[in-house]
Amino acid sequence: MGLLQYFRQDKPKKGSAKLAKDRLQIIVAHEHSSAISPSYLPEMQQEIIAVIRKYMDISSDDVKCEFSDKADDDMSVLEVNVALPKNK
């Protein structure tokens, strides 16, 4: 019977409320950052993709642009992540 009780979970996992709260904060932060992105961001992302395609073959999914506005620093940040193919 000891082996069966090992797999049985009668009590809830500790910290599940904290984990749910952390996940919700991440979702809210992501939604907030996408809501404040400038209207020109999608067009700029397409132009960045076009420039990179002049030099190598990438797909649109390989480029991620994120805009964040830091009110406390009076600064906006544009983060561009490009997944480049490996050299052959």
PDB file of N, CA and C in Angstrom:
ATOM      1  N   MET A   1       0.819  -1.190   0.000  1.00  0.00           N
ATOM      2  CA  MET A   1       0.000   0.000   0.000  1.00  0.00           C
ATOM      3  C   MET A   1       0.866   1.259   0.000  1.00  0.00           C
ATOM      4  N   GLY A   2       2.102   1.159   0.445  1.00  0.00           N
ATOM      5  CA  GLY A   2       2.972   2.320   0.505  1.00  0.00           C
ATOM      6  C   GLY A   2       3.280   2.882  -0.874  1.00  0.00           C
ATOM      7  N   LEU A   3       3.395   2.030  -1.862  1.00  0.00           N
ATOM      8  CA  LEU A   3       3.684   2.474  -3.223  1.00  0.00           C
ATOM      9  C   LEU A   3       2.516   3.261  -3.811  1.00  0.00           C
ATOM     10  N   LEU A   4       1.300   2.845  -3.542  1.00  0.00           N
ATOM     11  CA  LEU A   4       0.126   3.549  -4.057  1.00  0.00           C
ATOM     12  C   LEU A   4      -0.036   4.922  -3.406  1.00  0.00           C
ATOM     13  N   GLN A   5       0.288   5.029  -2.133  1.00  0.00           N
ATOM     14  CA  GLN A   5       0.170   6.314  -1.452  1.00  0.00           C
ATOM     15  C   GLN A   5       1.214   7.307  -1.949  1.00  0.00           C
ATOM     16  N   TYR A   6       2.302   6.809  -2.478  1.00  0.00           N
ATOM     17  CA  TYR A   6       3.331   7.688  -3.035  1.00  0.00           C
ATOM     18  C   TYR A   6       2.776   8.481  -4.225  1.00  0.00           C
ATOM     19  N   PHE A   7       1.961   7.854  -5.045  1.00  0.00           N
ATOM     20  CA  PHE A   7       1.400   8.507  -6.222  1.00  0.00           C
ATOM     21  C   PHE A   7       0.115   9.274  -5.922  1.00  0.00           C
ATOM     22  N   ARG A   8      -0.449   9.052  -4.772  1.00  0.00           N
ATOM     23  CA  ARG A   8      -1.705   9.704  -4.400  1.00  0.00           C
ATOM     24  C   ARG A   8      -1.436  11.095  -3.847  1.00  0.00           C
ATOM     25  N   GLN A   9      -2.251  12.065  -4.274  1.00  0.00           N
ATOM     26  CA  GLN A   9      -2.062  13.439  -3.810  1.00  0.00           C
ATOM     27  C   GLN A   9      -3.344  13.914  -3.140  1.00  0.00           C
ATOM     28  N   ASP A  10      -3.391  13.772  -1.826  1.00  0.00           N
ATOM     29  CA  ASP A  10      -4.569  14.181  -1.078  1.00  0.00           C
ATOM     30  C   ASP A  10      -4.580  15.663  -0.767  1.00  0.00           C
ATOM     31  N   LYS A  11      -3.423  16.237  -0.578  1.00  0.00           N
ATOM     32  CA  LYS A  11      -3.362  17.642  -0.190  1.00  0.00           C
ATOM     33  C   LYS A  11      -2.913  18.492  -1.383  1.00  0.00           C
ATOM     34  N   PRO A  12      -3.378  19.729  -1.462  1.00  0.00           N
ATOM     35  CA  PRO A  12      -2.980  20.598  -2.578  1.00  0.00           C
ATOM     36  C   PRO A  12      -1.498  20.947  -2.491  1.00  0.00           C
ATOM     37  N   LYS A  13      -0.919  21.226  -3.623  1.00  0.00           N
ATOM     38  CA  LYS A  13       0.496  21.591  -3.664  1.00  0.00           C
ATOM     39  C   LYS A  13       0.697  22.944  -2.996  1.00  0.00           C
ATOM     40  N   LYS A  14       1.786  23.075  -2.274  1.00  0.00           N
ATOM     41  CA  LYS A  14       2.088  24.327  -1.608  1.00  0.00           C
ATOM     42  C   LYS A  14       2.508  25.361  -2.639  1.00  0.00           C
ATOM     43  N   GLY A  15       2.035  26.574  -2.453  1.00  0.00           N
ATOM     44  CA  GLY A  15       2.458  27.658  -3.315  1.00  0.00           C
ATOM     45  C   GLY A  15       1.676  27.786  -4.605  1.00  0.00           C
ATOM     46  N   SER A  16       0.588  27.038  -4.753  1.00  0.00           N
ATOM     47  CA  SER A  16      -0.156  27.127  -6.006  1.00  0.00           C
ATOM     48  C   SER A  16      -0.824  28.502  -6.156  1.00  0.00           C
ATOM     49  N   ALA A  17      -1.231  29.110  -5.063  1.00  0.00           N
ATOM     50  CA  ALA A  17      -1.817  30.445  -5.133  1.00  0.00           C
ATOM     51  C   ALA A  17      -0.761  31.462  -5.552  1.00  0.00           C
ATOM     52  N   LYS A  18       0.429  31.317  -5.029  1.00  0.00           N
ATOM     53  CA  LYS A  18       1.524  32.219  -5.410  1.00  0.00           C
ATOM     54  C   LYS A  18       1.885  32.034  -6.875  1.00  0.00           C
ATOM     55  N   LEU A  19       1.920  30.793  -7.324  1.00  0.00           N
ATOM     56  CA  LEU A  19       2.224  30.506  -8.719  1.00  0.00           C
ATOM     57  C   LEU A  19       1.158  31.097  -9.639  1.00  0.00           C
ATOM     58  N   ALA A  20      -0.105  30.966  -9.269  1.00  0.00           N
ATOM     59  CA  ALA A  20      -1.195  31.530 -10.069  1.00  0.00           C
ATOM     60  C   ALA A  20      -1.102  33.050 -10.101  1.00  0.00           C
ATOM     61  N   LYS A  21      -0.766  33.664  -8.981  1.00  0.00           N
ATOM     62  CA  LYS A  21      -0.619  35.111  -8.922  1.00  0.00           C
ATOM     63  C   LYS A  21       0.525  35.578  -9.821  1.00  0.00           C
ATOM     64  N   ASP A  22       1.655  34.880  -9.781  1.00  0.00           N
ATOM     65  CA  ASP A  22       2.796  35.235 -10.631  1.00  0.00           C
ATOM     66  C   ASP A  22       2.447  35.109 -12.108  1.00  0.00           C
ATOM     67  N   ARG A  23       1.746  34.054 -12.474  1.00  0.00           N
ATOM     68  CA  ARG A  23       1.333  33.880 -13.868  1.00  0.00           C
ATOM     69  C   ARG A  23       0.389  34.995 -14.311  1.00  0.00           C
ATOM     70  N   LEU A  24      -0.528  35.363 -13.452  1.00  0.00           N
ATOM     71  CA  LEU A  24      -1.464  36.430 -13.787  1.00  0.00           C
ATOM     72  C   LEU A  24      -0.735  37.758 -13.957  1.00  0.00           C
ATOM     73  N   GLN A  25       0.253  38.029 -13.126  1.00  0.00           N
ATOM     74  CA  GLN A  25       1.027  39.258 -13.263  1.00  0.00           C
ATOM     75  C   GLN A  25       1.776  39.293 -14.591  1.00  0.00           C
ATOM     76  N   ILE A  26       2.292  38.163 -15.020  1.00  0.00           N
ATOM     77  CA  ILE A  26       2.989  38.099 -16.305  1.00  0.00           C
ATOM     78  C   ILE A  26       2.011  38.372 -17.444  1.00  0.00           C
ATOM     79  N   ILE A  27       0.838  37.782 -17.385  1.00  0.00           N
ATOM     80  CA  ILE A  27      -0.165  37.983 -18.435  1.00  0.00           C
ATOM     81  C   ILE A  27      -0.608  39.436 -18.481  1.00  0.00           C
ATOM     82  N   VAL A  28      -0.864  40.029 -17.335  1.00  0.00           N
ATOM     83  CA  VAL A  28      -1.293  41.428 -17.282  1.00  0.00           C
ATOM     84  C   VAL A  28      -0.198  42.347 -17.811  1.00  0.00           C
ATOM     85  N   ALA A  29       1.044  42.086 -17.429  1.00  0.00           N
ATOM     86  CA  ALA A  29       2.159  42.904 -17.918  1.00  0.00           C
ATOM     87  C   ALA A  29       2.299  42.777 -19.423  1.00  0.00           C
ATOM     88  N   HIS A  30       2.121  41.575 -19.954  1.00  0.00           N
ATOM     89  CA  HIS A  30       2.230  41.378 -21.400  1.00  0.00           C
ATOM     90  C   HIS A  30       1.106  42.099 -22.132  1.00  0.00           C
ATOM     91  N   GLU A  31      -0.113  41.990 -21.625  1.00  0.00           N
ATOM     92  CA  GLU A  31      -1.243  42.669 -22.248  1.00  0.00           C
ATOM     93  C   GLU A  31      -1.076  44.184 -22.172  1.00  0.00           C
ATOM     94  N   HIS A  32      -0.557  44.669 -21.059  1.00  0.00           N
ATOM     95  CA  HIS A  32      -0.350  46.107 -20.902  1.00  0.00           C
ATOM     96  C   HIS A  32       0.708  46.610 -21.880  1.00  0.00           C
ATOM     97  N   SER A  33       1.771  45.846 -22.049  1.00  0.00           N
ATOM     98  CA  SER A  33       2.833  46.285 -22.953  1.00  0.00           C
ATOM     99  C   SER A  33       2.371  46.260 -24.398  1.00  0.00           C
ATOM    100  N   SER A  34       1.515  45.306 -24.760  1.00  0.00           N
ATOM    101  CA  SER A  34       1.033  45.267 -26.139  1.00  0.00           C
ATOM    102  C   SER A  34      -0.022  46.352 -26.382  1.00  0.00           C
ATOM    103  N   ALA A  35      -0.698  46.790 -25.335  1.00  0.00           N
ATOM    104  CA  ALA A  35      -1.727  47.820 -25.500  1.00  0.00           C
ATOM    105  C   ALA A  35      -1.115  49.196 -25.713  1.00  0.00           C
ATOM    106  N   ILE A  36       0.107  49.424 -25.229  1.00  0.00           N
ATOM    107  CA  ILE A  36       0.705  50.746 -25.359  1.00  0.00           C
ATOM    108  C   ILE A  36       1.685  50.836 -26.521  1.00  0.00           C
ATOM    109  N   SER A  37       1.769  49.773 -27.317  1.00  0.00           N
ATOM    110  CA  SER A  37       2.709  49.821 -28.426  1.00  0.00           C
ATOM    111  C   SER A  37       2.233  50.812 -29.477  1.00  0.00           C
ATOM    112  N   PRO A  38       3.162  51.518 -30.096  1.00  0.00           N
ATOM    113  CA  PRO A  38       2.795  52.520 -31.091  1.00  0.00           C
ATOM    114  C   PRO A  38       2.189  51.877 -32.342  1.00  0.00           C
ATOM    115  N   SER A  39       1.417  52.645 -33.067  1.00  0.00           N
ATOM    116  CA  SER A  39       0.720  52.125 -34.238  1.00  0.00           C
ATOM    117  C   SER A  39       1.680  51.762 -35.369  1.00  0.00           C
ATOM    118  N   TYR A  40       2.867  52.357 -35.382  1.00  0.00           N
ATOM    119  CA  TYR A  40       3.816  52.085 -36.452  1.00  0.00           C
ATOM    120  C   TYR A  40       4.654  50.824 -36.212  1.00  0.00           C
ATOM    121  N   LEU A  41       4.500  50.175 -35.080  1.00  0.00           N
ATOM    122  CA  LEU A  41       5.341  49.027 -34.747  1.00  0.00           C
ATOM    123  C   LEU A  41       5.209  47.864 -35.734  1.00  0.00           C
ATOM    124  N   PRO A  42       4.008  47.445 -36.152  1.00  0.00           N
ATOM    125  CA  PRO A  42       3.927  46.343 -37.120  1.00  0.00           C
ATOM    126  C   PRO A  42       4.602  46.664 -38.461  1.00  0.00           C
ATOM    127  N   GLU A  43       4.445  47.897 -38.928  1.00  0.00           N
ATOM    128  CA  GLU A  43       5.092  48.300 -40.181  1.00  0.00           C
ATOM    129  C   GLU A  43       6.612  48.310 -40.029  1.00  0.00           C
ATOM    130  N   MET A  44       7.091  48.799 -38.899  1.00  0.00           N
ATOM    131  CA  MET A  44       8.522  48.826 -38.662  1.00  0.00           C
ATOM    132  C   MET A  44       9.076  47.403 -38.587  1.00  0.00           C
ATOM    133  N   GLN A  45       8.331  46.486 -37.989  1.00  0.00           N
ATOM    134  CA  GLN A  45       8.770  45.103 -37.910  1.00  0.00           C
ATOM    135  C   GLN A  45       8.882  44.508 -39.313  1.00  0.00           C
ATOM    136  N   GLN A  46       7.933  44.811 -40.190  1.00  0.00           N
ATOM    137  CA  GLN A  46       7.999  44.299 -41.566  1.00  0.00           C
ATOM    138  C   GLN A  46       9.197  44.879 -42.310  1.00  0.00           C
ATOM    139  N   GLU A  47       9.514  46.138 -42.067  1.00  0.00           N
ATOM    140  CA  GLU A  47      10.680  46.747 -42.708  1.00  0.00           C
ATOM    141  C   GLU A  47      11.984  46.129 -42.197  1.00  0.00           C
ATOM    142  N   ILE A  48      12.039  45.824 -40.911  1.00  0.00           N
ATOM    143  CA  ILE A  48      13.225  45.167 -40.344  1.00  0.00           C
ATOM    144  C   ILE A  48      13.400  43.789 -40.977  1.00  0.00           C
ATOM    145  N   ILE A  49      12.311  43.057 -41.128  1.00  0.00           N
ATOM    146  CA  ILE A  49      12.362  41.738 -41.757  1.00  0.00           C
ATOM    147  C   ILE A  49      12.850  41.851 -43.194  1.00  0.00           C
ATOM    148  N   ALA A  50      12.361  42.860 -43.931  1.00  0.00           N
ATOM    149  CA  ALA A  50      12.773  43.051 -45.324  1.00  0.00           C
ATOM    150  C   ALA A  50      14.269  43.336 -45.430  1.00  0.00           C
ATOM    151  N   VAL A  51      14.805  44.136 -44.515  1.00  0.00           N
ATOM    152  CA  VAL A  51      16.238  44.443 -44.546  1.00  0.00           C
ATOM    153  C   VAL A  51      17.060  43.193 -44.254  1.00  0.00           C
ATOM    154  N   ILE A  52      16.657  42.410 -43.261  1.00  0.00           N
ATOM    155  CA  ILE A  52      17.397  41.200 -42.916  1.00  0.00           C
ATOM    156  C   ILE A  52      17.326  40.182 -44.047  1.00  0.00           C
ATOM    157  N   ARG A  53      16.181  40.122 -44.745  1.00  0.00           N
ATOM    158  CA  ARG A  53      16.023  39.178 -45.863  1.00  0.00           C
ATOM    159  C   ARG A  53      16.935  39.507 -47.043  1.00  0.00           C
ATOM    160  N   LYS A  54      17.450  40.724 -47.108  1.00  0.00           N
ATOM    161  CA  LYS A  54      18.410  41.055 -48.165  1.00  0.00           C
ATOM    162  C   LYS A  54      19.695  40.255 -47.990  1.00  0.00           C
ATOM    163  N   TYR A  55      19.997  39.875 -46.762  1.00  0.00           N
ATOM    164  CA  TYR A  55      21.261  39.229 -46.460  1.00  0.00           C
ATOM    165  C   TYR A  55      21.133  37.751 -46.103  1.00  0.00           C
ATOM    166  N   MET A  56      19.966  37.311 -45.618  1.00  0.00           N
ATOM    167  CA  MET A  56      19.784  35.907 -45.267  1.00  0.00           C
ATOM    168  C   MET A  56      18.313  35.544 -45.316  1.00  0.00           C
ATOM    169  N   ASP A  57      18.066  34.245 -45.397  1.00  0.00           N
ATOM    170  CA  ASP A  57      16.702  33.739 -45.506  1.00  0.00           C
ATOM    171  C   ASP A  57      16.121  33.516 -44.109  1.00  0.00           C
ATOM    172  N   ILE A  58      15.125  34.327 -43.737  1.00  0.00           N
ATOM    173  CA  ILE A  58      14.434  34.181 -42.452  1.00  0.00           C
ATOM    174  C   ILE A  58      12.932  34.276 -42.696  1.00  0.00           C
ATOM    175  N   SER A  59      12.161  33.813 -41.751  1.00  0.00           N
ATOM    176  CA  SER A  59      10.705  33.943 -41.842  1.00  0.00           C
ATOM    177  C   SER A  59      10.246  35.076 -40.928  1.00  0.00           C
ATOM    178  N   SER A  60       9.017  35.458 -41.082  1.00  0.00           N
ATOM    179  CA  SER A  60       8.459  36.527 -40.240  1.00  0.00           C
ATOM    180  C   SER A  60       8.409  36.124 -38.775  1.00  0.00           C
ATOM    181  N   ASP A  61       8.294  34.831 -38.509  1.00  0.00           N
ATOM    182  CA  ASP A  61       8.233  34.343 -37.125  1.00  0.00           C
ATOM    183  C   ASP A  61       9.574  34.435 -36.417  1.00  0.00           C
ATOM    184  N   ASP A  62      10.655  34.625 -37.181  1.00  0.00           N
ATOM    185  CA  ASP A  62      11.987  34.699 -36.595  1.00  0.00           C
ATOM    186  C   ASP A  62      12.294  36.061 -35.967  1.00  0.00           C
ATOM    187  N   VAL A  63      11.435  37.052 -36.207  1.00  0.00           N
ATOM    188  CA  VAL A  63      11.674  38.405 -35.700  1.00  0.00           C
ATOM    189  C   VAL A  63      10.557  38.774 -34.728  1.00  0.00           C
ATOM    190  N   LYS A  64      10.936  39.138 -33.526  1.00  0.00           N
ATOM    191  CA  LYS A  64       9.988  39.574 -32.496  1.00  0.00           C
ATOM    192  C   LYS A  64      10.349  40.985 -32.053  1.00  0.00           C
ATOM    193  N   CYS A  65       9.399  41.895 -32.118  1.00  0.00           N
ATOM    194  CA  CYS A  65       9.605  43.274 -31.670  1.00  0.00           C
ATOM    195  C   CYS A  65       8.699  43.534 -30.475  1.00  0.00           C
ATOM    196  N   GLU A  66       9.282  44.058 -29.419  1.00  0.00           N
ATOM    197  CA  GLU A  66       8.519  44.395 -28.223  1.00  0.00           C
ATOM    198  C   GLU A  66       8.823  45.833 -27.826  1.00  0.00           C
ATOM    199  N   PHE A  67       7.778  46.554 -27.517  1.00  0.00           N
ATOM    200  CA  PHE A  67       7.895  47.950 -27.131  1.00  0.00           C
ATOM    201  C   PHE A  67       7.460  48.074 -25.688  1.00  0.00           C
ATOM    202  N   SER A  68       8.264  48.752 -24.876  1.00  0.00           N
ATOM    203  CA  SER A  68       7.878  49.000 -23.486  1.00  0.00           C
ATOM    204  C   SER A  68       8.130  50.461 -23.148  1.00  0.00           C
ATOM    205  N   ASP A  69       7.237  51.004 -22.393  1.00  0.00           N
ATOM    206  CA  ASP A  69       7.318  52.403 -21.993  1.00  0.00           C
ATOM    207  C   ASP A  69       7.566  52.453 -20.503  1.00  0.00           C
ATOM    208  N   LYS A  70       8.690  53.011 -20.113  1.00  0.00           N
ATOM    209  CA  LYS A  70       9.048  53.093 -18.694  1.00  0.00           C
ATOM    210  C   LYS A  70       8.716  54.499 -18.198  1.00  0.00           C
ATOM    211  N   ALA A  71       7.605  54.595 -17.525  1.00  0.00           N
ATOM    212  CA  ALA A  71       7.124  55.901 -17.068  1.00  0.00           C
ATOM    213  C   ALA A  71       8.045  56.514 -16.019  1.00  0.00           C
ATOM    214  N   ASP A  72       8.639  55.684 -15.180  1.00  0.00           N
ATOM    215  CA  ASP A  72       9.480  56.228 -14.122  1.00  0.00           C
ATOM    216  C   ASP A  72      10.791  56.794 -14.658  1.00  0.00           C
ATOM    217  N   ASP A  73      11.241  56.325 -15.829  1.00  0.00           N
ATOM    218  CA  ASP A  73      12.487  56.817 -16.408  1.00  0.00           C
ATOM    219  C   ASP A  73      12.257  57.769 -17.580  1.00  0.00           C
ATOM    220  N   ASP A  74      11.005  58.029 -17.939  1.00  0.00           N
ATOM    221  CA  ASP A  74      10.684  58.835 -19.125  1.00  0.00           C
ATOM    222  C   ASP A  74      11.417  58.307 -20.348  1.00  0.00           C
ATOM    223  N   MET A  75      11.363  56.992 -20.535  1.00  0.00           N
ATOM    224  CA  MET A  75      12.100  56.359 -21.607  1.00  0.00           C
ATOM    225  C   MET A  75      11.255  55.236 -22.206  1.00  0.00           C
ATOM    226  N   SER A  76      11.338  55.078 -23.521  1.00  0.00           N
ATOM    227  CA  SER A  76      10.701  53.968 -24.205  1.00  0.00           C
ATOM    228  C   SER A  76      11.787  53.043 -24.738  1.00  0.00           C
ATOM    229  N   VAL A  77      11.496  51.743 -24.732  1.00  0.00           N
ATOM    230  CA  VAL A  77      12.479  50.766 -25.169  1.00  0.00           C
ATOM    231  C   VAL A  77      11.859  49.903 -26.261  1.00  0.00           C
ATOM    232  N   LEU A  78      12.585  49.759 -27.373  1.00  0.00           N
ATOM    233  CA  LEU A  78      12.193  48.845 -28.439  1.00  0.00           C
ATOM    234  C   LEU A  78      13.185  47.693 -28.433  1.00  0.00           C
ATOM    235  N   GLU A  79      12.688  46.507 -28.172  1.00  0.00           N
ATOM    236  CA  GLU A  79      13.538  45.318 -28.134  1.00  0.00           C
ATOM    237  C   GLU A  79      13.239  44.482 -29.370  1.00  0.00           C
ATOM    238  N   VAL A  80      14.277  44.186 -30.145  1.00  0.00           N
ATOM    239  CA  VAL A  80      14.137  43.385 -31.358  1.00  0.00           C
ATOM    240  C   VAL A  80      14.965  42.121 -31.192  1.00  0.00           C
ATOM    241  N   ASN A  81      14.301  40.979 -31.268  1.00  0.00           N
ATOM    242  CA  ASN A  81      14.968  39.686 -31.178  1.00  0.00           C
ATOM    243  C   ASN A  81      14.855  38.990 -32.523  1.00  0.00           C
ATOM    244  N   VAL A  82      15.996  38.606 -33.086  1.00  0.00           N
ATOM    245  CA  VAL A  82      16.025  37.944 -34.386  1.00  0.00           C
ATOM    246  C   VAL A  82      16.679  36.576 -34.222  1.00  0.00           C
ATOM    247  N   ALA A  83      15.976  35.537 -34.604  1.00  0.00           N
ATOM    248  CA  ALA A  83      16.538  34.189 -34.600  1.00  0.00           C
ATOM    249  C   ALA A  83      17.197  33.958 -35.949  1.00  0.00           C
ATOM    250  N   LEU A  84      18.523  33.960 -35.961  1.00  0.00           N
ATOM    251  CA  LEU A  84      19.275  33.807 -37.198  1.00  0.00           C
ATOM    252  C   LEU A  84      19.561  32.334 -37.471  1.00  0.00           C
ATOM    253  N   PRO A  85      19.522  31.931 -38.739  1.00  0.00           N
ATOM    254  CA  PRO A  85      19.849  30.539 -39.049  1.00  0.00           C
ATOM    255  C   PRO A  85      21.326  30.264 -38.839  1.00  0.00           C
ATOM    256  N   LYS A  86      21.654  29.019 -38.555  1.00  0.00           N
ATOM    257  CA  LYS A  86      23.051  28.643 -38.348  1.00  0.00           C
ATOM    258  C   LYS A  86      23.793  28.680 -39.674  1.00  0.00           C
ATOM    259  N   ASN A  87      25.070  29.045 -39.619  1.00  0.00           N
ATOM    260  CA  ASN A  87      25.901  29.053 -40.825  1.00  0.00           C
ATOM    261  C   ASN A  87      26.180  27.626 -41.251  1.00  0.00           C
ATOM    262  N   LYS A  88      26.176  27.413 -42.541  1.00  0.00           N
ATOM    263  CA  LYS A  88      26.452  26.068 -43.075  1.00  0.00           C
ATOM    264  C   LYS A  88      27.842  25.988 -43.602  1.00  0.00           C
TER     265      LYS A  88
END
